[in-house]
Protein backbone atom coordinates (compact mmCIF):
# COMPACT_ATOMS: atom_id res chain seq x y z
CA MET A 1 48.06 21.67 28.66
CA SER A 2 47.37 18.12 27.49
CA ILE A 3 47.49 17.11 24.00
CA ASP A 4 45.60 13.91 22.70
CA ILE A 5 47.71 12.18 20.24
CA SER A 6 46.36 8.76 18.72
CA VAL A 7 48.54 5.97 17.35
CA ASP A 8 47.73 4.63 13.98
CA ASP A 9 46.99 0.87 13.68
CA SER A 10 49.77 0.48 11.28
CA CYS A 11 52.22 1.40 14.03
CA ILE A 12 51.06 -1.61 15.99
CA SER A 13 51.13 -3.80 12.96
CA ALA A 14 54.72 -2.73 12.20
CA PHE A 15 55.83 -3.33 15.75
CA GLN A 16 54.29 -6.79 15.89
CA GLU A 17 56.10 -7.60 12.50
CA LEU A 18 59.48 -6.33 13.99
CA LYS A 19 58.84 -8.67 17.16
CA SER A 20 57.78 -11.85 15.41
CA GLN A 21 59.14 -12.12 11.98
CA ARG A 22 62.51 -10.55 12.18
CA ASP A 23 62.47 -9.53 8.60
CA ILE A 24 62.95 -6.00 9.89
CA ASN A 25 64.87 -4.70 12.85
CA THR A 26 63.75 -0.91 12.82
CA VAL A 27 60.58 0.87 12.76
CA ILE A 28 60.65 4.82 12.62
CA TYR A 29 57.49 6.51 13.53
CA GLN A 30 56.63 10.18 13.18
CA LEU A 31 53.79 12.53 13.72
CA ASN A 32 51.41 13.25 10.78
CA ASP A 33 51.32 16.64 9.37
CA ARG A 34 48.51 17.77 11.72
CA MET A 35 50.56 16.56 14.69
CA ASP A 36 47.68 14.57 16.08
CA ARG A 37 48.59 10.85 15.11
CA VAL A 38 51.76 8.81 15.34
CA VAL A 39 52.28 7.13 11.96
CA VAL A 40 54.93 4.71 10.48
CA GLY A 41 57.58 6.62 8.55
CA LEU A 42 59.92 3.76 7.60
CA GLN A 43 60.34 -0.01 8.15
CA GLY A 44 63.48 -1.57 7.40
CA ASN A 45 66.55 -3.84 8.27
CA LEU A 46 69.03 -1.16 9.14
CA THR A 47 72.57 -1.22 10.43
CA HIS A 48 73.32 1.07 13.31
CA ASP A 49 74.89 3.51 10.68
CA GLU A 50 71.81 3.36 8.45
CA LEU A 51 69.52 4.03 11.41
CA LEU A 52 71.63 7.17 12.03
CA GLU A 53 71.38 8.15 8.42
CA ALA A 54 67.67 7.47 8.20
CA THR A 55 67.12 9.71 11.64
CA PRO A 56 66.48 13.40 10.48
CA VAL A 57 68.78 15.98 12.11
CA THR A 58 65.92 18.41 12.40
CA ASP A 59 62.82 16.54 12.73
CA PRO A 60 61.55 14.54 15.72
CA ARG A 61 60.98 10.73 15.33
CA PHE A 62 60.13 7.69 17.52
CA VAL A 63 62.31 4.61 16.67
CA VAL A 64 61.95 1.13 17.79
CA TYR A 65 65.18 -0.72 17.15
CA ASP A 66 66.12 -4.27 17.82
CA LEU A 67 69.57 -3.51 19.20
CA PRO A 68 72.17 -6.30 18.76
CA PHE A 69 75.17 -6.53 21.39
CA ALA A 70 77.38 -8.76 23.22
CA ALA A 71 76.53 -9.30 26.81
CA SER A 72 79.12 -8.99 29.53
CA ASP A 73 79.39 -12.86 29.38
CA GLY A 74 80.20 -12.60 25.71
CA ALA A 75 76.66 -13.97 24.69
CA ARG A 76 75.06 -12.35 21.70
CA ARG A 77 71.71 -10.60 22.76
CA ASN A 78 69.24 -8.23 21.31
CA SER A 79 66.95 -5.71 23.09
CA LEU A 80 64.12 -3.83 21.91
CA ALA A 81 65.03 -0.14 22.41
CA MET A 82 62.61 2.68 21.79
CA ILE A 83 64.27 6.12 21.16
CA PHE A 84 62.49 9.41 21.45
CA TRP A 85 64.59 11.64 18.96
CA CYS A 86 63.65 15.22 19.54
CA PRO A 87 66.54 17.55 18.34
CA GLY A 88 67.03 20.80 20.17
CA SER A 89 66.06 22.74 17.30
CA VAL A 90 62.44 21.56 17.52
CA ASP A 91 59.93 24.51 18.51
CA ALA A 92 58.16 24.38 21.99
CA ALA A 93 54.75 23.51 20.51
CA GLN A 94 56.32 20.62 18.41
CA GLN A 95 58.13 19.44 21.45
CA VAL A 96 54.91 19.15 23.56
CA ALA A 97 53.13 17.38 20.57
CA CYS A 98 56.09 14.94 20.15
CA ALA A 99 56.30 14.16 23.98
CA ALA A 100 52.54 13.42 23.89
CA GLY A 101 53.04 11.19 20.79
CA TYR A 102 55.97 9.31 22.39
CA GLY A 103 53.81 8.65 25.50
CA ALA A 104 50.94 7.35 23.43
CA LEU A 105 53.29 5.04 21.40
CA LYS A 106 54.96 3.93 24.39
CA ASP A 107 51.59 2.88 26.02
CA ALA A 108 50.57 1.07 22.79
CA LEU A 109 53.72 -1.08 22.38
CA ASP A 110 54.12 -3.94 24.65
CA GLY A 111 57.63 -5.52 25.05
CA VAL A 112 60.04 -2.60 24.58
CA GLU A 113 63.08 -3.15 27.08
CA VAL A 114 65.07 0.02 26.81
CA PHE A 115 63.99 3.65 26.49
CA VAL A 116 66.25 6.34 25.36
CA GLU A 117 65.53 10.22 25.01
CA ALA A 118 67.89 11.43 22.49
CA THR A 119 68.57 15.32 21.61
CA GLY A 120 71.82 15.03 19.77
CA LEU A 121 73.39 12.20 17.59
CA SER A 122 75.93 11.57 20.26
CA ASP A 123 72.94 10.23 22.33
CA LEU A 124 72.48 7.54 19.72
CA GLU A 125 76.14 6.29 19.51
CA TYR A 126 76.01 2.50 19.35
CA GLN A 127 78.04 2.04 22.71
CA ARG A 128 75.70 4.34 24.48
CA LEU A 129 72.74 2.42 23.37
CA VAL A 130 74.42 -0.88 24.41
CA SER A 131 75.17 0.51 27.80
CA ARG A 132 71.59 1.22 28.29
CA ALA A 133 70.50 -2.12 27.27
CA ALA A 134 73.25 -4.28 28.94
């Protein structure tokens, strides 16, 4: 079963703003109510803790986060990380729609360096994200 999910133009604009202006470091995307289009849910300049607070415990989201970290040589780096947040409590139909939305968004955004699929908050721990980026 294949589901066709579209990506709203505002998603691309928000991503371009994150990449170019650096006024924001986080864009949180979600499916619309009909579950047929990815839309922007939130844009902001969030700390890692604020990102965790903004991630709903029971609802799936797609997050692009400009992850700051120290490389093994001590240099400060940033990597664009895309997180597919799909908690285990999500029903099967929503999981299928979200996976299709994640794929569509992934195809639409150019320049993401790290991809993370998360089902629990422990998957979003800062050190875990850094280990994927480093």
